[in-house]
PDB file of N, CA and C in Angstrom:
ATOM      1  N   MET A   1       7.161  15.106 -19.321  1.00  0.00           N
ATOM      2  CA  MET A   1       7.200  15.365 -17.894  1.00  0.00           C
ATOM      3  C   MET A   1       8.406  14.632 -17.297  1.00  0.00           C
ATOM      4  N   ASN A   2       9.047  15.290 -16.441  1.00  0.00           N
ATOM      5  CA  ASN A   2      10.162  14.631 -15.777  1.00  0.00           C
ATOM      6  C   ASN A   2       9.694  13.986 -14.471  1.00  0.00           C
ATOM      7  N   LYS A   3      10.607  13.329 -13.816  1.00  0.00           N
ATOM      8  CA  LYS A   3      10.274  12.556 -12.611  1.00  0.00           C
ATOM      9  C   LYS A   3       9.717  13.438 -11.498  1.00  0.00           C
ATOM     10  N   LYS A   4      10.250  14.634 -11.359  1.00  0.00           N
ATOM     11  CA  LYS A   4       9.802  15.535 -10.289  1.00  0.00           C
ATOM     12  C   LYS A   4       8.340  15.955 -10.498  1.00  0.00           C
ATOM     13  N   ASN A   5       7.981  16.246 -11.751  1.00  0.00           N
ATOM     14  CA  ASN A   5       6.599  16.639 -12.032  1.00  0.00           C
ATOM     15  C   ASN A   5       5.639  15.481 -11.799  1.00  0.00           C
ATOM     16  N   LEU A   6       6.035  14.269 -12.200  1.00  0.00           N
ATOM     17  CA  LEU A   6       5.172  13.116 -11.968  1.00  0.00           C
ATOM     18  C   LEU A   6       4.975  12.860 -10.482  1.00  0.00           C
ATOM     19  N   GLN A   7       6.013  13.089  -9.714  1.00  0.00           N
ATOM     20  CA  GLN A   7       5.910  12.921  -8.263  1.00  0.00           C
ATOM     21  C   GLN A   7       4.930  13.941  -7.685  1.00  0.00           C
ATOM     22  N   ARG A   8       5.005  15.156  -8.140  1.00  0.00           N
ATOM     23  CA  ARG A   8       4.083  16.194  -7.655  1.00  0.00           C
ATOM     24  C   ARG A   8       2.645  15.889  -8.042  1.00  0.00           C
ATOM     25  N   VAL A   9       2.439  15.421  -9.270  1.00  0.00           N
ATOM     26  CA  VAL A   9       1.087  15.070  -9.711  1.00  0.00           C
ATOM     27  C   VAL A   9       0.544  13.926  -8.859  1.00  0.00           C
ATOM     28  N   GLY A  10       1.397  12.960  -8.553  1.00  0.00           N
ATOM     29  CA  GLY A  10       0.972  11.841  -7.708  1.00  0.00           C
ATOM     30  C   GLY A  10       0.584  12.300  -6.318  1.00  0.00           C
ATOM     31  N   ILE A  11       1.348  13.206  -5.750  1.00  0.00           N
ATOM     32  CA  ILE A  11       1.049  13.717  -4.412  1.00  0.00           C
ATOM     33  C   ILE A  11      -0.253  14.514  -4.412  1.00  0.00           C
ATOM     34  N   VAL A  12      -0.440  15.334  -5.435  1.00  0.00           N
ATOM     35  CA  VAL A  12      -1.681  16.114  -5.533  1.00  0.00           C
ATOM     36  C   VAL A  12      -2.882  15.185  -5.681  1.00  0.00           C
ATOM     37  N   PHE A  13      -2.734  14.136  -6.490  1.00  0.00           N
ATOM     38  CA  PHE A  13      -3.834  13.184  -6.648  1.00  0.00           C
ATOM     39  C   PHE A  13      -4.135  12.484  -5.332  1.00  0.00           C
ATOM     40  N   LEU A  14      -3.100  12.106  -4.599  1.00  0.00           N
ATOM     41  CA  LEU A  14      -3.281  11.443  -3.303  1.00  0.00           C
ATOM     42  C   LEU A  14      -4.020  12.355  -2.328  1.00  0.00           C
ATOM     43  N   ILE A  15      -3.619  13.612  -2.274  1.00  0.00           N
ATOM     44  CA  ILE A  15      -4.289  14.578  -1.382  1.00  0.00           C
ATOM     45  C   ILE A  15      -5.746  14.753  -1.802  1.00  0.00           C
ATOM     46  N   PHE A  16      -5.991  14.865  -3.112  1.00  0.00           N
ATOM     47  CA  PHE A  16      -7.358  14.999  -3.606  1.00  0.00           C
ATOM     48  C   PHE A  16      -8.200  13.788  -3.224  1.00  0.00           C
ATOM     49  N   TYR A  17      -7.624  12.592  -3.377  1.00  0.00           N
ATOM     50  CA  TYR A  17      -8.353  11.361  -3.070  1.00  0.00           C
ATOM     51  C   TYR A  17      -8.698  11.289  -1.588  1.00  0.00           C
ATOM     52  N   VAL A  18      -7.747  11.644  -0.730  1.00  0.00           N
ATOM     53  CA  VAL A  18      -7.981  11.602   0.715  1.00  0.00           C
ATOM     54  C   VAL A  18      -9.037  12.621   1.121  1.00  0.00           C
ATOM     55  N   LEU A  19      -8.982  13.814   0.544  1.00  0.00           N
ATOM     56  CA  LEU A  19      -9.949  14.844   0.912  1.00  0.00           C
ATOM     57  C   LEU A  19     -11.336  14.569   0.339  1.00  0.00           C
ATOM     58  N   SER A  20     -11.411  13.961  -0.836  1.00  0.00           N
ATOM     59  CA  SER A  20     -12.713  13.742  -1.454  1.00  0.00           C
ATOM     60  C   SER A  20     -13.438  12.529  -0.880  1.00  0.00           C
ATOM     61  N   SER A  21     -12.693  11.507  -0.473  1.00  0.00           N
ATOM     62  CA  SER A  21     -13.341  10.333   0.129  1.00  0.00           C
ATOM     63  C   SER A  21     -12.418   9.715   1.178  1.00  0.00           C
ATOM     64  N   PRO A  22     -12.399  10.307   2.369  1.00  0.00           N
ATOM     65  CA  PRO A  22     -11.480   9.829   3.405  1.00  0.00           C
ATOM     66  C   PRO A  22     -11.763   8.402   3.875  1.00  0.00           C
ATOM     67  N   ARG A  23     -13.011   8.000   3.873  1.00  0.00           N
ATOM     68  CA  ARG A  23     -13.336   6.639   4.314  1.00  0.00           C
ATOM     69  C   ARG A  23     -12.772   5.597   3.342  1.00  0.00           C
ATOM     70  N   ASP A  24     -12.908   5.860   2.045  1.00  0.00           N
ATOM     71  CA  ASP A  24     -12.345   4.950   1.047  1.00  0.00           C
ATOM     72  C   ASP A  24     -10.823   4.929   1.125  1.00  0.00           C
ATOM     73  N   ALA A  25     -10.224   6.092   1.363  1.00  0.00           N
ATOM     74  CA  ALA A  25      -8.765   6.159   1.481  1.00  0.00           C
ATOM     75  C   ALA A  25      -8.293   5.366   2.695  1.00  0.00           C
ATOM     76  N   ALA A  26      -9.015   5.467   3.795  1.00  0.00           N
ATOM     77  CA  ALA A  26      -8.646   4.712   4.991  1.00  0.00           C
ATOM     78  C   ALA A  26      -8.791   3.213   4.753  1.00  0.00           C
ATOM     79  N   ASN A  27      -9.834   2.821   4.056  1.00  0.00           N
ATOM     80  CA  ASN A  27     -10.014   1.406   3.730  1.00  0.00           C
ATOM     81  C   ASN A  27      -8.892   0.901   2.827  1.00  0.00           C
ATOM     82  N   MET A  28      -8.459   1.733   1.895  1.00  0.00           N
ATOM     83  CA  MET A  28      -7.380   1.349   0.995  1.00  0.00           C
ATOM     84  C   MET A  28      -6.080   1.142   1.771  1.00  0.00           C
ATOM     85  N   VAL A  29      -5.775   2.042   2.691  1.00  0.00           N
ATOM     86  CA  VAL A  29      -4.558   1.908   3.498  1.00  0.00           C
ATOM     87  C   VAL A  29      -4.654   0.683   4.403  1.00  0.00           C
ATOM     88  N   ASN A  30      -5.815   0.472   5.001  1.00  0.00           N
ATOM     89  CA  ASN A  30      -6.021  -0.690   5.857  1.00  0.00           C
ATOM     90  C   ASN A  30      -5.836  -1.979   5.055  1.00  0.00           C
ATOM     91  N   ASN A  31      -6.383  -2.018   3.849  1.00  0.00           N
ATOM     92  CA  ASN A  31      -6.221  -3.178   2.981  1.00  0.00           C
ATOM     93  C   ASN A  31      -4.762  -3.411   2.628  1.00  0.00           C
ATOM     94  N   ALA A  32      -4.044  -2.341   2.330  1.00  0.00           N
ATOM     95  CA  ALA A  32      -2.633  -2.468   1.956  1.00  0.00           C
ATOM     96  C   ALA A  32      -1.825  -3.061   3.103  1.00  0.00           C
ATOM     97  N   PHE A  33      -2.040  -2.586   4.317  1.00  0.00           N
ATOM     98  CA  PHE A  33      -1.308  -3.122   5.459  1.00  0.00           C
ATOM     99  C   PHE A  33      -1.726  -4.561   5.767  1.00  0.00           C
ATOM    100  N   SER A  34      -2.985  -4.860   5.564  1.00  0.00           N
ATOM    101  CA  SER A  34      -3.448  -6.227   5.760  1.00  0.00           C
ATOM    102  C   SER A  34      -2.771  -7.175   4.771  1.00  0.00           C
ATOM    103  N   GLN A  35      -2.663  -6.752   3.527  1.00  0.00           N
ATOM    104  CA  GLN A  35      -2.005  -7.580   2.515  1.00  0.00           C
ATOM    105  C   GLN A  35      -0.517  -7.741   2.812  1.00  0.00           C
ATOM    106  N   LEU A  36       0.116  -6.701   3.314  1.00  0.00           N
ATOM    107  CA  LEU A  36       1.521  -6.818   3.705  1.00  0.00           C
ATOM    108  C   LEU A  36       1.680  -7.823   4.847  1.00  0.00           C
ATOM    109  N   GLY A  37       0.763  -7.796   5.797  1.00  0.00           N
ATOM    110  CA  GLY A  37       0.793  -8.766   6.886  1.00  0.00           C
ATOM    111  C   GLY A  37       0.610 -10.187   6.379  1.00  0.00           C
ATOM    112  N   ASN A  38      -0.323 -10.363   5.442  1.00  0.00           N
ATOM    113  CA  ASN A  38      -0.540 -11.683   4.858  1.00  0.00           C
ATOM    114  C   ASN A  38       0.702 -12.159   4.105  1.00  0.00           C
ATOM    115  N   ALA A  39       1.333 -11.256   3.376  1.00  0.00           N
ATOM    116  CA  ALA A  39       2.548 -11.620   2.645  1.00  0.00           C
ATOM    117  C   ALA A  39       3.647 -12.032   3.618  1.00  0.00           C
ATOM    118  N   GLY A  40       3.784 -11.336   4.731  1.00  0.00           N
ATOM    119  CA  GLY A  40       4.771 -11.691   5.740  1.00  0.00           C
ATOM    120  C   GLY A  40       4.500 -13.057   6.341  1.00  0.00           C
ATOM    121  N   ASN A  41       3.238 -13.340   6.617  1.00  0.00           N
ATOM    122  CA  ASN A  41       2.876 -14.648   7.155  1.00  0.00           C
ATOM    123  C   ASN A  41       3.172 -15.768   6.166  1.00  0.00           C
ATOM    124  N   GLN A  42       2.870 -15.519   4.899  1.00  0.00           N
ATOM    125  CA  GLN A  42       3.148 -16.527   3.883  1.00  0.00           C
ATOM    126  C   GLN A  42       4.648 -16.750   3.711  1.00  0.00           C
ATOM    127  N   LEU A  43       5.419 -15.679   3.777  1.00  0.00           N
ATOM    128  CA  LEU A  43       6.872 -15.806   3.684  1.00  0.00           C
ATOM    129  C   LEU A  43       7.414 -16.592   4.872  1.00  0.00           C
ATOM    130  N   ALA A  44       6.898 -16.324   6.056  1.00  0.00           N
ATOM    131  CA  ALA A  44       7.334 -17.061   7.242  1.00  0.00           C
ATOM    132  C   ALA A  44       6.981 -18.543   7.119  1.00  0.00           C
ATOM    133  N   ALA A  45       5.792 -18.841   6.611  1.00  0.00           N
ATOM    134  CA  ALA A  45       5.396 -20.240   6.426  1.00  0.00           C
ATOM    135  C   ALA A  45       6.302 -20.922   5.403  1.00  0.00           C
ATOM    136  N   PHE A  46       6.673 -20.209   4.358  1.00  0.00           N
ATOM    137  CA  PHE A  46       7.569 -20.754   3.341  1.00  0.00           C
ATOM    138  C   PHE A  46       8.942 -21.058   3.918  1.00  0.00           C
ATOM    139  N   VAL A  47       9.484 -20.111   4.678  1.00  0.00           N
ATOM    140  CA  VAL A  47      10.806 -20.307   5.271  1.00  0.00           C
ATOM    141  C   VAL A  47      10.764 -21.451   6.289  1.00  0.00           C
ATOM    142  N   ASN A  48       9.707 -21.523   7.080  1.00  0.00           N
ATOM    143  CA  ASN A  48       9.568 -22.627   8.028  1.00  0.00           C
ATOM    144  C   ASN A  48       9.437 -23.964   7.303  1.00  0.00           C
ATOM    145  N   GLY A  49       8.751 -23.962   6.171  1.00  0.00           N
ATOM    146  CA  GLY A  49       8.609 -25.186   5.384  1.00  0.00           C
ATOM    147  C   GLY A  49       9.932 -25.660   4.805  1.00  0.00           C
ATOM    148  N   ILE A  50      10.800 -24.745   4.467  1.00  0.00           N
ATOM    149  CA  ILE A  50      12.120 -25.110   3.935  1.00  0.00           C
ATOM    150  C   ILE A  50      12.959 -25.747   5.039  1.00  0.00           C
ATOM    151  N   GLY A  51      12.823 -25.251   6.261  1.00  0.00           N
ATOM    152  CA  GLY A  51      13.624 -25.737   7.371  1.00  0.00           C
ATOM    153  C   GLY A  51      13.243 -27.122   7.847  1.00  0.00           C
ATOM    154  N   THR A  52      12.029 -27.570   7.520  1.00  0.00           N
ATOM    155  CA  THR A  52      11.614 -28.892   8.021  1.00  0.00           C
ATOM    156  C   THR A  52      11.809 -29.962   6.984  1.00  0.00           C
TER     157      THR A  52
END
């Protein structure tokens, strides 16, 4: 399989997952953004710690 086919399979799986269990998909996206926020906060704390 080439890269284009793998991308299509991934998109189809994502659509299937969202349609089959939208609540779980929403929780997964919410978790991902929450973790990104936590990572940003930790990075800010690290940079602030270097400055002091």
